[in-house]
């Protein structure tokens, strides 16, 4: 979803290094910079990476595919629930209700103590990172925990992460499970879910629901009842909307 909004694709070392050349020079893969140890080893570099991403996610405009999903959901009796491994907050930005989103890997728009000293999670609204993009380093002061004064970090589940505070995501999960149990005849529209971190794919395939898998790289589906579409998210969603419009799907609810 993010790529069609102009955001970087971090799949594979080359994807990360195209977006962040200094990390190529340092020989750091995504698994190493998206890691709590990076905040211990070099917090200026770690926050250079996450601070720049925070700025990009704040300024980027969600593409029309988000609107199409909202239009489809508005015509369904049980509406929809978003299960996403994206941390960019773009479903909220596009108008999906916060109560109908499960950010399984957390959100870059929320922060926590790196230690952590408590279970406190706070919004990153007050943090305005200034990043030296040429070095991928934070040029402004490092953010601090409001309770203990030590380093703060994004409330994102990273690689090898034993300190991630999952209270917020746990509350989202409880709402998702309640919707999941009550929904009648749902369909999963899976958009660009990766295979290396297969969180979304596992949810789709274990749900027991029919899957429409939209994926440029890996559109294969595990059973005949599912559909694989080898396209990008926006183009595929535009096609789905056009097909539904031909059936009169939207006529009674838009």
Protein backbone atom coordinates (compact mmCIF):
# COMPACT_ATOMS: atom_id res chain seq x y z
CA UNK A 1 0.00 0.00 0.00
CA UNK A 2 2.72 2.46 0.93
CA UNK A 3 4.63 2.26 -2.35
CA UNK A 4 1.67 3.69 -4.29
CA UNK A 5 1.70 6.66 -1.90
CA UNK A 6 5.35 7.30 -2.81
CA UNK A 7 6.88 5.59 0.23
CA UNK A 8 10.02 3.46 0.12
CA UNK A 9 9.97 -0.32 -0.19
CA UNK A 10 12.47 -1.87 2.24
CA UNK A 11 12.26 -5.44 0.92
CA UNK A 12 15.76 -6.74 0.43
CA UNK A 13 18.95 -4.88 1.24
CA UNK A 14 18.90 -3.02 -2.07
CA UNK A 15 15.45 -1.56 -1.36
CA UNK A 16 16.62 -0.14 1.97
CA UNK A 17 19.94 1.09 0.59
CA UNK A 18 18.33 2.90 -2.33
CA UNK A 19 16.30 4.92 0.17
CA UNK A 20 19.12 5.31 2.71
CA UNK A 21 22.57 5.24 0.99
CA UNK A 22 24.47 5.88 4.29
CA UNK A 23 23.19 2.54 5.56
CA UNK A 24 24.77 0.87 2.51
CA UNK A 25 28.07 2.53 3.39
CA UNK A 26 27.73 1.23 6.95
CA UNK A 27 26.78 -2.23 5.64
CA UNK A 28 23.56 -2.26 7.68
CA UNK A 29 20.60 -4.35 6.57
CA UNK A 30 16.99 -3.59 7.52
CA UNK A 31 17.10 -6.27 10.22
CA UNK A 32 20.03 -4.43 11.84
CA UNK A 33 18.76 -0.84 11.76
CA UNK A 34 15.15 -1.84 12.59
CA UNK A 35 16.42 -3.37 15.78
CA UNK A 36 16.42 -2.18 19.41
CA UNK A 37 20.18 -2.80 19.56
CA UNK A 38 20.62 0.03 17.03
CA UNK A 39 19.28 2.48 19.64
CA UNK A 40 21.88 1.23 22.13
CA UNK A 41 24.76 1.08 19.68
CA UNK A 42 24.16 4.37 17.82
CA UNK A 43 20.96 6.21 18.81
CA UNK A 44 21.70 9.13 16.46
CA UNK A 45 21.78 6.79 13.47
CA UNK A 46 18.76 4.79 14.62
CA UNK A 47 16.73 7.95 15.11
CA UNK A 48 18.05 9.32 11.82
CA UNK A 49 16.39 6.33 10.13
CA UNK A 50 13.17 6.41 12.13
CA UNK A 51 13.00 10.21 12.32
CA UNK A 52 13.22 10.52 8.55
CA UNK A 53 10.55 7.84 8.14
CA UNK A 54 8.30 9.66 10.62
CA UNK A 55 8.66 12.86 8.61
CA UNK A 56 7.93 11.08 5.31
CA UNK A 57 4.88 9.29 6.69
CA UNK A 58 3.52 12.55 8.06
CA UNK A 59 3.88 14.40 4.77
CA UNK A 60 2.82 11.61 2.37
CA UNK A 61 -0.79 11.53 1.16
CA UNK A 62 -2.53 8.13 1.18
CA UNK A 63 -3.43 7.13 -2.37
CA UNK A 64 -6.96 6.61 -3.69
CA UNK A 65 -6.88 2.88 -2.91
CA UNK A 66 -7.57 3.72 0.74
CA UNK A 67 -10.69 5.63 -0.30
CA UNK A 68 -11.85 2.69 -2.43
CA UNK A 69 -11.53 0.35 0.54
CA UNK A 70 -13.58 2.75 2.67
CA UNK A 71 -16.26 2.92 -0.04
CA UNK A 72 -16.48 -0.88 -0.22
CA UNK A 73 -16.60 -1.19 3.57
CA UNK A 74 -19.41 1.35 3.81
CA UNK A 75 -21.62 -0.95 1.71
CA UNK A 76 -21.05 -4.07 3.81
CA UNK A 77 -23.29 -5.01 6.75
CA UNK A 78 -20.32 -5.64 9.05
CA UNK A 79 -18.19 -2.89 7.51
CA UNK A 80 -14.48 -3.82 7.62
CA UNK A 81 -11.52 -4.18 9.94
CA UNK A 82 -7.95 -3.28 8.96
CA UNK A 83 -5.21 -5.74 9.93
CA UNK A 84 -1.91 -4.16 8.95
CA UNK A 85 1.80 -4.66 9.49
CA UNK A 86 2.42 -1.13 8.18
CA UNK A 87 3.50 1.34 10.85
CA UNK A 88 2.86 4.51 8.83
CA UNK A 89 -0.60 5.37 10.22
CA UNK A 90 -2.01 5.92 6.74
CA UNK A 91 -5.24 4.00 7.32
CA UNK A 92 -6.11 6.48 10.09
CA UNK A 93 -4.95 9.35 7.90
CA UNK A 94 -7.23 8.11 5.11
CA UNK A 95 -10.26 8.18 7.42
CA UNK A 96 -10.55 4.68 8.82
CA UNK A 97 -11.74 4.73 12.43
CA UNK A 98 -8.99 4.00 14.94
CA UNK A 99 -11.32 1.46 16.59
CA UNK A 100 -11.32 -0.60 13.37
CA UNK A 101 -7.56 -0.89 12.87
CA UNK A 102 -5.12 -3.46 14.25
CA UNK A 103 -1.50 -2.34 13.77
CA UNK A 104 0.10 -5.66 14.56
CA UNK A 105 3.66 -4.26 14.48
CA UNK A 106 2.84 -1.00 16.25
CA UNK A 107 2.95 2.59 15.00
CA UNK A 108 5.73 5.07 14.30
CA UNK A 109 3.37 7.78 15.56
CA UNK A 110 3.65 6.45 19.10
CA UNK A 111 6.69 6.24 21.38
CA UNK A 112 7.90 4.36 24.44
CA UNK A 113 10.89 4.30 26.77
CA UNK A 114 13.74 2.30 25.26
CA UNK A 115 14.48 0.60 28.60
CA UNK A 116 11.46 0.50 29.20
CA UNK A 117 10.94 2.00 32.65
CA UNK A 118 7.13 1.58 32.55
CA UNK A 119 4.26 0.51 30.31
CA UNK A 120 3.62 4.07 29.17
CA UNK A 121 3.03 4.67 25.45
CA UNK A 122 2.63 8.24 24.22
CA UNK A 123 1.87 9.97 20.94
CA UNK A 124 4.80 11.32 18.91
CA UNK A 125 2.96 14.55 17.97
CA UNK A 126 5.39 16.74 19.93
CA UNK A 127 8.49 15.24 18.34
CA UNK A 128 9.77 17.09 15.24
CA UNK A 129 12.95 15.32 14.13
CA UNK A 130 15.56 17.18 12.11
CA UNK A 131 17.59 14.68 10.12
CA UNK A 132 20.86 15.06 8.24
CA UNK A 133 19.77 12.92 5.31
CA UNK A 134 23.28 12.74 3.84
CA UNK A 135 24.44 10.86 6.95
CA UNK A 136 21.09 9.41 8.08
CA UNK A 137 21.64 10.96 11.48
CA UNK A 138 19.37 12.88 13.82
CA UNK A 139 20.58 16.49 13.98
CA UNK A 140 18.09 17.61 16.63
CA UNK A 141 18.10 16.42 20.27
CA UNK A 142 17.27 12.79 20.94
CA UNK A 143 13.73 12.23 22.30
CA UNK A 144 13.53 11.25 25.96
CA UNK A 145 11.14 9.28 28.11
CA UNK A 146 8.95 11.73 30.08
CA UNK A 147 9.12 9.47 33.14
CA UNK A 148 12.80 8.58 33.54
CA UNK A 149 14.55 10.92 31.08
CA UNK A 150 16.29 8.09 29.23
CA UNK A 151 16.16 7.51 25.47
CA UNK A 152 12.75 7.09 23.83
CA UNK A 153 12.12 4.90 20.79
CA UNK A 154 9.20 4.22 18.42
CA UNK A 155 6.49 1.91 19.73
CA UNK A 156 7.22 -0.48 16.86
CA UNK A 157 7.92 -4.19 17.05
CA UNK A 158 11.49 -4.52 15.73
CA UNK A 159 13.68 -7.53 15.02
CA UNK A 160 14.87 -9.31 18.17
CA UNK A 161 12.69 -6.99 20.22
CA UNK A 162 11.96 -8.06 23.82
CA UNK A 163 11.21 -4.54 25.04
CA UNK A 164 8.33 -3.64 22.73
CA UNK A 165 5.33 -2.49 24.74
CA UNK A 166 2.32 -4.22 23.19
CA UNK A 167 -0.49 -2.78 25.34
CA UNK A 168 -1.84 -0.55 22.55
CA UNK A 169 -1.61 -3.31 19.94
CA UNK A 170 -3.17 -5.75 22.40
CA UNK A 171 -6.22 -3.53 22.78
CA UNK A 172 -6.49 -3.32 19.00
CA UNK A 173 -6.18 -7.10 18.76
CA UNK A 174 -9.07 -7.61 21.20
CA UNK A 175 -11.31 -5.39 19.06
CA UNK A 176 -10.22 -7.24 15.92
CA UNK A 177 -10.97 -10.64 17.45
CA UNK A 178 -14.44 -9.47 18.50
CA UNK A 179 -15.17 -8.22 14.97
CA UNK A 180 -13.68 -11.39 13.45
CA UNK A 181 -16.03 -13.62 15.46
CA UNK A 182 -19.14 -11.56 14.72
CA UNK A 183 -18.61 -10.85 11.02
CA UNK A 184 -20.69 -12.85 8.54
CA UNK A 185 -19.16 -14.12 5.29
CA UNK A 186 -16.13 -11.80 5.25
CA UNK A 187 -13.52 -11.71 2.50
CA UNK A 188 -9.85 -10.81 3.05
CA UNK A 189 -8.38 -8.29 0.62
CA UNK A 190 -4.66 -8.77 1.19
CA UNK A 191 -2.47 -6.03 -0.26
CA UNK A 192 1.24 -6.48 -0.90
CA UNK A 193 1.92 -8.72 2.09
CA UNK A 194 5.53 -9.88 2.16
CA UNK A 195 6.84 -13.41 2.63
CA UNK A 196 9.97 -12.62 4.66
CA UNK A 197 7.87 -11.22 7.53
CA UNK A 198 4.70 -13.15 6.85
CA UNK A 199 2.48 -11.75 9.63
CA UNK A 200 -0.31 -10.60 7.31
CA UNK A 201 -0.13 -13.72 5.11
CA UNK A 202 -0.47 -15.98 8.14
CA UNK A 203 -3.50 -14.07 9.37
CA UNK A 204 -5.11 -14.28 5.92
CA UNK A 205 -4.50 -17.98 5.48
CA UNK A 206 -5.48 -18.93 9.03
CA UNK A 207 -8.67 -16.86 9.00
CA UNK A 208 -10.65 -19.47 7.07
CA UNK A 209 -12.04 -16.70 4.83
CA UNK A 210 -11.68 -16.37 1.04
CA UNK A 211 -8.60 -14.31 0.13
CA UNK A 212 -8.02 -11.87 -2.71
CA UNK A 213 -4.21 -11.69 -2.68
CA UNK A 214 -2.95 -8.59 -4.50
CA UNK A 215 0.81 -8.82 -4.87
CA UNK A 216 3.26 -7.83 -7.62
CA UNK A 217 5.93 -10.32 -6.53
CA UNK A 218 4.14 -13.25 -4.93
CA UNK A 219 0.47 -13.50 -5.91
CA UNK A 220 0.24 -17.29 -5.52
CA UNK A 221 -2.57 -18.53 -3.26
CA UNK A 222 -2.68 -21.73 -1.17
CA UNK A 223 -6.03 -23.10 -2.39
CA UNK A 224 -8.43 -22.79 -5.37
CA UNK A 225 -11.06 -20.87 -3.38
CA UNK A 226 -8.65 -17.92 -3.15
CA UNK A 227 -7.70 -15.45 -5.89
CA UNK A 228 -4.19 -14.19 -6.68
CA UNK A 229 -3.82 -10.89 -8.54
CA UNK A 230 -0.38 -9.93 -9.88
CA UNK A 231 -0.78 -6.17 -9.65
CA UNK A 232 0.06 -3.22 -7.44
CA UNK A 233 -2.39 -2.23 -4.73
CA UNK A 234 -3.84 0.91 -6.29
CA UNK A 235 -4.35 -0.52 -9.79
CA UNK A 236 -5.98 -3.68 -8.43
CA UNK A 237 -8.30 -1.76 -6.11
CA UNK A 238 -9.35 0.51 -8.96
CA UNK A 239 -10.18 -2.61 -10.98
CA UNK A 240 -12.18 -4.12 -8.09
CA UNK A 241 -14.12 -0.89 -7.66
CA UNK A 242 -14.95 -0.72 -11.36
CA UNK A 243 -16.13 -4.34 -11.38
CA UNK A 244 -18.31 -3.79 -8.30
CA UNK A 245 -19.78 -0.61 -9.80
CA UNK A 246 -20.89 -2.57 -12.87
CA UNK A 247 -22.94 -4.85 -10.61
CA UNK A 248 -24.68 -1.91 -8.93
CA UNK A 249 -22.95 -2.71 -5.63
CA UNK A 250 -22.55 0.95 -4.66
CA UNK A 251 -25.95 2.24 -5.78
CA UNK A 252 -27.78 1.74 -2.48
CA UNK A 253 -25.13 2.96 -0.05
CA UNK A 254 -23.08 5.80 -1.57
